[in-house]
Amino acid sequence: MLVNATRMLKEAKAGHYAVGQFNINNLEWTKAILLEAQELNAPVILGVSMGAAKYMGGYKVVAAMVKALDEELGITVPVALHLDHGNYDAAKACIEAGFTSIMFDGSSLPLEENIEKTKELVKLAHDRGLSVEAEVGSIGGTEDGITGKGEVADPKECALMTSLGIDFLAAGIGNIHGIYPANWEGLQLSALADINAATGNIPLVLHGGTGIPDDQIVAAVKNGVSKINVNTDCQLVFAEATIAYCAAGKADPTAANTAKGYDPRKLLKPGFEAIRAKVKEKMTLFGEVGKAN
């Protein structure tokens, strides 16, 4: 059931759990995530980066694929199709393409420009019934050409951004995209508490969910985080499962008794199943299992 993300995240904040955003990269990923969310009766957000959308053929192709899978698989849990770290042009394109939610990442822009573009996109999105995420204090690492050092967001800037009518806010608290380095200092939970106090009841978003210790995830949820983004974790388990399948010789067309193991439906199945297992693990950790309404 395709919806925007506003209601599911407000309910998550009130219920002290978080909704997982799992990024999609192809049909297998999308199907795996949808089926596991349905199995667990959990709300879910399908994240789409600008690069992944280009790889899959464009925003309209992604929206059509997700809508068709949602219908054909009989998905009844709330599902939001969300642009992840979009620039201004990408956000406008997704509004037109049929997404149900967008993130405008203006964190690399001067604050004044970030504010003006966010205000414009909030109006455009809300007129179409979409939810809007904005960012203050850039997330560490690089996402589609936008590089952040992992700054901690200023609570006053967070409050200002919240006042623009956005539906949920990504605030940097030392989190990083991709694999965390050995010398990572951990989440700045005291900063998160200050941001939560400054922004009131707006749901907060934790990007870079891969590699954060479970106890810090639980603590972040207690301090107002209602949406947690997961991408690298799924990439890793998908790659590991596929590599193991190939290393076992199951995709070798010259080997005996492979039963056409090179068929993409067989080749991609271990990765598909690995993603389902990872989604179950994360949804359980986030406390969202059984929370679909």
Protein backbone atom coordinates (compact mmCIF):
# COMPACT_ATOMS: atom_id res chain seq x y z
CA MET A 1 0.00 0.00 0.00
CA LEU A 2 1.83 3.09 -1.25
CA VAL A 3 1.56 6.07 1.09
CA ASN A 4 3.69 9.01 2.12
CA ALA A 5 5.86 8.55 5.19
CA THR A 6 4.34 11.17 7.49
CA ARG A 7 1.85 9.04 9.41
CA MET A 8 4.12 6.02 9.79
CA LEU A 9 6.93 8.14 11.24
CA LYS A 10 4.68 10.09 13.59
CA GLU A 11 3.36 6.78 14.91
CA ALA A 12 6.93 5.50 15.22
CA LYS A 13 7.99 8.49 17.27
CA ALA A 14 4.95 8.20 19.52
CA GLY A 15 5.53 4.46 19.90
CA HIS A 16 9.31 4.74 20.48
CA TYR A 17 10.38 2.59 17.55
CA ALA A 18 11.88 3.37 14.15
CA VAL A 19 10.85 2.59 10.57
CA GLY A 20 13.59 1.23 8.35
CA GLN A 21 14.41 2.83 5.03
CA PHE A 22 16.01 0.17 2.85
CA ASN A 23 17.50 1.40 -0.39
CA ILE A 24 16.60 -0.43 -3.59
CA ASN A 25 18.83 -1.07 -6.59
CA ASN A 26 16.82 -3.43 -8.79
CA LEU A 27 13.69 -5.59 -8.91
CA GLU A 28 15.17 -8.33 -6.68
CA TRP A 29 16.00 -5.87 -3.92
CA THR A 30 12.57 -4.24 -4.11
CA LYS A 31 10.72 -7.56 -4.07
CA ALA A 32 12.80 -8.91 -1.17
CA ILE A 33 12.18 -5.85 1.00
CA LEU A 34 8.46 -5.69 0.24
CA LEU A 35 7.89 -9.38 0.95
CA GLU A 36 9.80 -9.25 4.24
CA ALA A 37 7.93 -6.14 5.39
CA GLN A 38 4.66 -7.88 4.60
CA GLU A 39 5.78 -11.05 6.40
CA LEU A 40 6.70 -9.04 9.50
CA ASN A 41 3.67 -6.74 9.30
CA ALA A 42 5.99 -3.74 9.43
CA PRO A 43 5.85 -0.37 7.67
CA VAL A 44 8.74 0.25 5.31
CA ILE A 45 10.37 3.00 3.28
CA LEU A 46 12.00 2.18 -0.05
CA GLY A 47 14.89 4.59 -0.55
CA VAL A 48 16.09 5.50 -4.03
CA SER A 49 19.30 7.44 -4.55
CA MET A 50 19.83 9.53 -7.66
CA GLY A 51 22.48 7.11 -8.87
CA ALA A 52 20.31 4.04 -8.31
CA ALA A 53 17.41 5.67 -10.13
CA LYS A 54 19.62 6.39 -13.12
CA TYR A 55 20.87 2.80 -13.10
CA MET A 56 17.30 1.46 -13.07
CA GLY A 57 16.21 3.64 -15.98
CA GLY A 58 14.91 6.79 -14.35
CA TYR A 59 12.47 7.94 -11.70
CA LYS A 60 9.35 7.06 -13.71
CA VAL A 61 10.63 3.52 -14.26
CA VAL A 62 11.31 3.10 -10.53
CA ALA A 63 7.89 4.45 -9.55
CA ALA A 64 6.13 2.19 -12.05
CA MET A 65 8.07 -0.88 -10.89
CA VAL A 66 7.36 -0.25 -7.21
CA LYS A 67 3.67 0.42 -7.82
CA ALA A 68 3.30 -2.74 -9.91
CA LEU A 69 5.13 -4.93 -7.39
CA ASP A 70 3.10 -3.48 -4.53
CA GLU A 71 -0.10 -4.43 -6.33
CA GLU A 72 0.96 -7.80 -7.76
CA LEU A 73 2.45 -9.03 -4.48
CA GLY A 74 -0.64 -7.98 -2.55
CA ILE A 75 1.30 -5.76 -0.14
CA THR A 76 -0.97 -4.34 2.54
CA VAL A 77 1.58 -2.78 4.92
CA PRO A 78 2.34 0.94 4.48
CA VAL A 79 5.09 1.50 1.90
CA ALA A 80 6.67 4.87 1.08
CA LEU A 81 8.72 5.37 -2.09
CA HIS A 82 11.30 7.94 -1.05
CA LEU A 83 14.00 9.90 -2.87
CA ASP A 84 17.20 9.62 -0.85
CA HIS A 85 19.64 12.56 -0.79
CA GLY A 86 18.11 14.26 -3.79
CA ASN A 87 19.21 17.59 -5.14
CA TYR A 88 16.68 20.24 -6.17
CA ASP A 89 16.16 18.93 -9.71
CA ALA A 90 15.87 15.32 -8.57
CA ALA A 91 13.29 16.26 -5.94
CA LYS A 92 11.13 18.02 -8.53
CA ALA A 93 11.47 15.08 -10.92
CA CYS A 94 10.35 12.60 -8.26
CA ILE A 95 7.32 14.71 -7.39
CA GLU A 96 6.28 14.43 -11.04
CA ALA A 97 7.24 10.76 -11.41
CA GLY A 98 4.91 9.38 -8.75
CA PHE A 99 7.11 9.02 -5.68
CA THR A 100 5.27 9.36 -2.38
CA SER A 101 8.08 11.03 -0.44
CA ILE A 102 11.22 13.05 -1.14
CA MET A 103 14.39 14.08 0.62
CA PHE A 104 15.94 17.35 -0.42
CA ASP A 105 19.55 17.36 0.69
CA GLY A 106 20.55 21.00 0.74
CA SER A 107 23.09 20.48 3.51
CA SER A 108 26.01 21.37 1.22
CA LEU A 109 24.38 24.70 0.28
CA PRO A 110 24.54 27.96 2.21
CA LEU A 111 21.84 27.85 4.89
CA GLU A 112 19.82 30.62 3.26
CA GLU A 113 19.70 28.79 -0.08
CA ASN A 114 18.89 25.51 1.66
CA ILE A 115 15.96 27.23 3.38
CA GLU A 116 14.56 28.83 0.22
CA LYS A 117 14.73 25.67 -1.86
CA THR A 118 13.29 23.60 0.98
CA LYS A 119 10.32 25.99 1.33
CA GLU A 120 9.59 25.74 -2.38
CA LEU A 121 9.80 21.95 -2.45
CA VAL A 122 7.65 21.60 0.68
CA LYS A 123 4.85 23.46 -1.06
CA LEU A 124 5.19 21.49 -4.29
CA ALA A 125 5.31 18.16 -2.47
CA HIS A 126 2.51 18.86 -0.02
CA ASP A 127 0.25 20.02 -2.84
CA ARG A 128 0.68 16.49 -4.30
CA GLY A 129 0.40 14.67 -0.97
CA LEU A 130 4.09 13.78 -0.63
CA SER A 131 6.11 13.88 2.58
CA VAL A 132 9.37 15.84 2.77
CA GLU A 133 12.68 15.18 4.52
CA ALA A 134 15.39 17.81 4.82
CA GLU A 135 18.92 17.71 6.22
CA VAL A 136 20.95 19.89 8.57
CA GLY A 137 24.54 19.08 9.46
CA SER A 138 25.93 16.90 6.69
CA ILE A 139 26.21 13.15 7.07
CA GLY A 140 29.73 11.78 6.83
CA GLY A 141 30.95 10.08 3.66
CA THR A 142 29.82 10.56 0.06
CA GLU A 143 26.36 9.95 -1.37
CA ASP A 144 25.81 10.63 -5.10
CA GLY A 145 28.54 13.23 -5.21
CA ILE A 146 27.49 15.02 -2.02
CA THR A 147 30.30 14.69 0.51
CA GLY A 148 29.95 15.37 4.21
CA LYS A 149 32.47 15.22 7.03
CA GLY A 150 30.01 14.01 9.63
CA GLU A 151 29.34 17.34 11.30
CA VAL A 152 27.03 17.60 14.28
CA ALA A 153 23.97 19.68 13.44
CA ASP A 154 23.23 22.93 15.22
CA PRO A 155 19.96 22.55 17.19
CA LYS A 156 18.97 26.13 16.30
CA GLU A 157 19.36 25.41 12.59
CA CYS A 158 17.38 22.20 13.06
CA ALA A 159 14.55 24.15 14.70
CA LEU A 160 14.63 26.67 11.87
CA MET A 161 14.45 23.96 9.22
CA THR A 162 11.62 22.25 11.07
CA SER A 163 9.63 25.50 11.02
CA LEU A 164 9.53 25.36 7.20
CA GLY A 165 6.88 22.65 7.28
CA ILE A 166 9.01 19.59 6.56
CA ASP A 167 7.71 16.24 7.82
CA PHE A 168 10.94 14.70 9.15
CA LEU A 169 14.51 15.86 9.61
CA ALA A 170 17.92 14.28 9.05
CA ALA A 171 20.30 15.86 11.53
CA GLY A 172 23.97 14.94 11.54
CA ILE A 173 25.17 13.49 14.85
CA GLY A 174 28.50 12.05 13.72
CA ASN A 175 26.97 9.32 11.55
CA ILE A 176 28.65 8.24 8.30
CA HIS A 177 27.55 6.70 5.01
CA GLY A 178 29.15 3.40 4.11
CA ILE A 179 31.48 1.36 6.30
CA TYR A 180 32.52 3.02 9.55
CA PRO A 181 36.28 3.41 10.14
CA ALA A 182 37.93 1.73 13.13
CA ASN A 183 38.55 5.11 14.78
CA TRP A 184 34.93 6.28 14.54
CA GLU A 185 33.95 8.01 17.78
CA GLY A 186 30.32 6.86 17.81
CA LEU A 187 27.03 8.74 17.70
CA GLN A 188 26.87 12.02 19.57
CA LEU A 189 23.82 11.10 21.61
CA SER A 190 23.94 14.21 23.76
CA ALA A 191 23.71 16.29 20.58
CA LEU A 192 20.77 14.17 19.45
CA ALA A 193 18.98 14.86 22.73
CA ASP A 194 19.54 18.61 22.23
CA ILE A 195 18.24 18.41 18.64
CA ASN A 196 15.18 16.44 19.73
CA ALA A 197 14.40 19.01 22.40
CA ALA A 198 14.81 21.88 19.94
CA THR A 199 12.61 20.38 17.21
CA GLY A 200 9.66 19.18 19.28
CA ASN A 201 7.69 16.26 17.94
CA ILE A 202 9.12 16.06 14.44
CA PRO A 203 10.49 12.58 13.61
CA LEU A 204 14.28 12.51 13.27
CA VAL A 205 16.23 10.46 10.74
CA LEU A 206 19.46 8.53 11.24
CA HIS A 207 21.39 8.05 8.02
CA GLY A 208 24.28 5.61 7.74
CA GLY A 209 22.58 2.84 9.71
CA THR A 210 25.12 0.19 8.69
CA GLY A 211 27.81 -0.49 11.30
CA ILE A 212 26.33 1.46 14.20
CA PRO A 213 26.38 -0.75 17.33
CA ASP A 214 22.97 -2.05 18.35
CA ASP A 215 23.03 -0.31 21.73
CA GLN A 216 23.60 3.05 20.03
CA ILE A 217 20.71 2.36 17.63
CA VAL A 218 18.42 1.64 20.58
CA ALA A 219 19.61 4.78 22.37
CA ALA A 220 19.06 6.90 19.25
CA VAL A 221 15.48 5.66 18.95
CA LYS A 222 14.86 6.57 22.60
CA ASN A 223 16.10 10.08 21.80
CA GLY A 224 13.72 10.77 18.92
CA VAL A 225 15.03 8.89 15.88
CA SER A 226 12.04 7.46 14.02
CA LYS A 227 13.60 6.52 10.66
CA ILE A 228 16.85 4.64 10.12
CA ASN A 229 18.46 4.28 6.70
CA VAL A 230 20.07 0.99 5.67
CA ASN A 231 21.89 0.46 2.37
CA THR A 232 25.47 -0.76 2.77
CA ASP A 233 24.38 -3.68 4.97
CA CYS A 234 22.18 -5.00 2.17
CA GLN A 235 24.89 -4.42 -0.42
CA LEU A 236 27.37 -6.42 1.64
CA VAL A 237 25.15 -9.45 2.27
CA PHE A 238 23.95 -9.48 -1.34
CA ALA A 239 27.54 -9.48 -2.59
CA GLU A 240 28.66 -12.11 -0.07
CA ALA A 241 25.83 -14.49 -0.98
CA THR A 242 26.39 -14.07 -4.71
CA ILE A 243 30.15 -14.54 -4.41
CA ALA A 244 29.67 -17.70 -2.35
CA TYR A 245 27.24 -19.10 -4.93
CA CYS A 246 29.71 -18.48 -7.75
CA ALA A 247 32.69 -19.72 -5.74
CA ALA A 248 30.87 -23.00 -5.22
CA GLY A 249 30.79 -23.43 -8.99
CA LYS A 250 27.01 -23.27 -9.19
CA ALA A 251 27.07 -20.67 -11.97
CA ASP A 252 29.73 -22.44 -14.07
CA PRO A 253 28.11 -23.55 -17.36
CA THR A 254 30.90 -26.08 -17.98
CA ALA A 255 30.54 -27.84 -14.63
CA ALA A 256 28.54 -31.02 -14.30
CA ASN A 257 25.11 -30.99 -12.70
CA THR A 258 24.85 -27.20 -12.43
CA ALA A 259 21.23 -27.33 -13.69
CA LYS A 260 21.70 -24.01 -15.47
CA GLY A 261 22.82 -22.31 -12.29
CA TYR A 262 23.87 -19.32 -14.36
CA ASP A 263 20.19 -18.51 -14.94
CA PRO A 264 19.74 -15.05 -13.36
CA ARG A 265 16.75 -16.30 -11.39
CA LYS A 266 19.04 -18.81 -9.68
CA LEU A 267 22.16 -16.66 -9.61
CA LEU A 268 20.42 -13.80 -7.82
CA LYS A 269 18.34 -15.92 -5.43
CA PRO A 270 20.97 -16.26 -2.65
CA GLY A 271 21.40 -12.48 -2.57
CA PHE A 272 17.63 -12.02 -2.57
CA GLU A 273 17.30 -14.31 0.43
CA ALA A 274 20.22 -12.61 2.19
CA ILE A 275 18.51 -9.24 1.85
CA ARG A 276 15.30 -10.63 3.33
CA ALA A 277 17.26 -11.94 6.31
CA LYS A 278 19.03 -8.61 6.80
CA VAL A 279 15.75 -6.67 6.59
CA LYS A 280 14.24 -8.98 9.24
CA GLU A 281 17.26 -8.45 11.49
CA LYS A 282 17.09 -4.67 11.19
CA MET A 283 13.32 -4.37 11.53
CA THR A 284 13.49 -6.45 14.68
CA LEU A 285 16.24 -4.23 16.08
CA PHE A 286 14.29 -1.08 15.20
CA GLY A 287 11.23 -2.40 17.07
CA GLU A 288 8.86 -2.03 14.11
CA VAL A 289 7.76 -5.65 13.67
CA GLY A 290 3.96 -5.92 13.95
CA LYS A 291 3.54 -2.14 13.85
CA ALA A 292 1.84 -1.79 10.43
CA ASN A 293 -1.58 -0.13 10.59
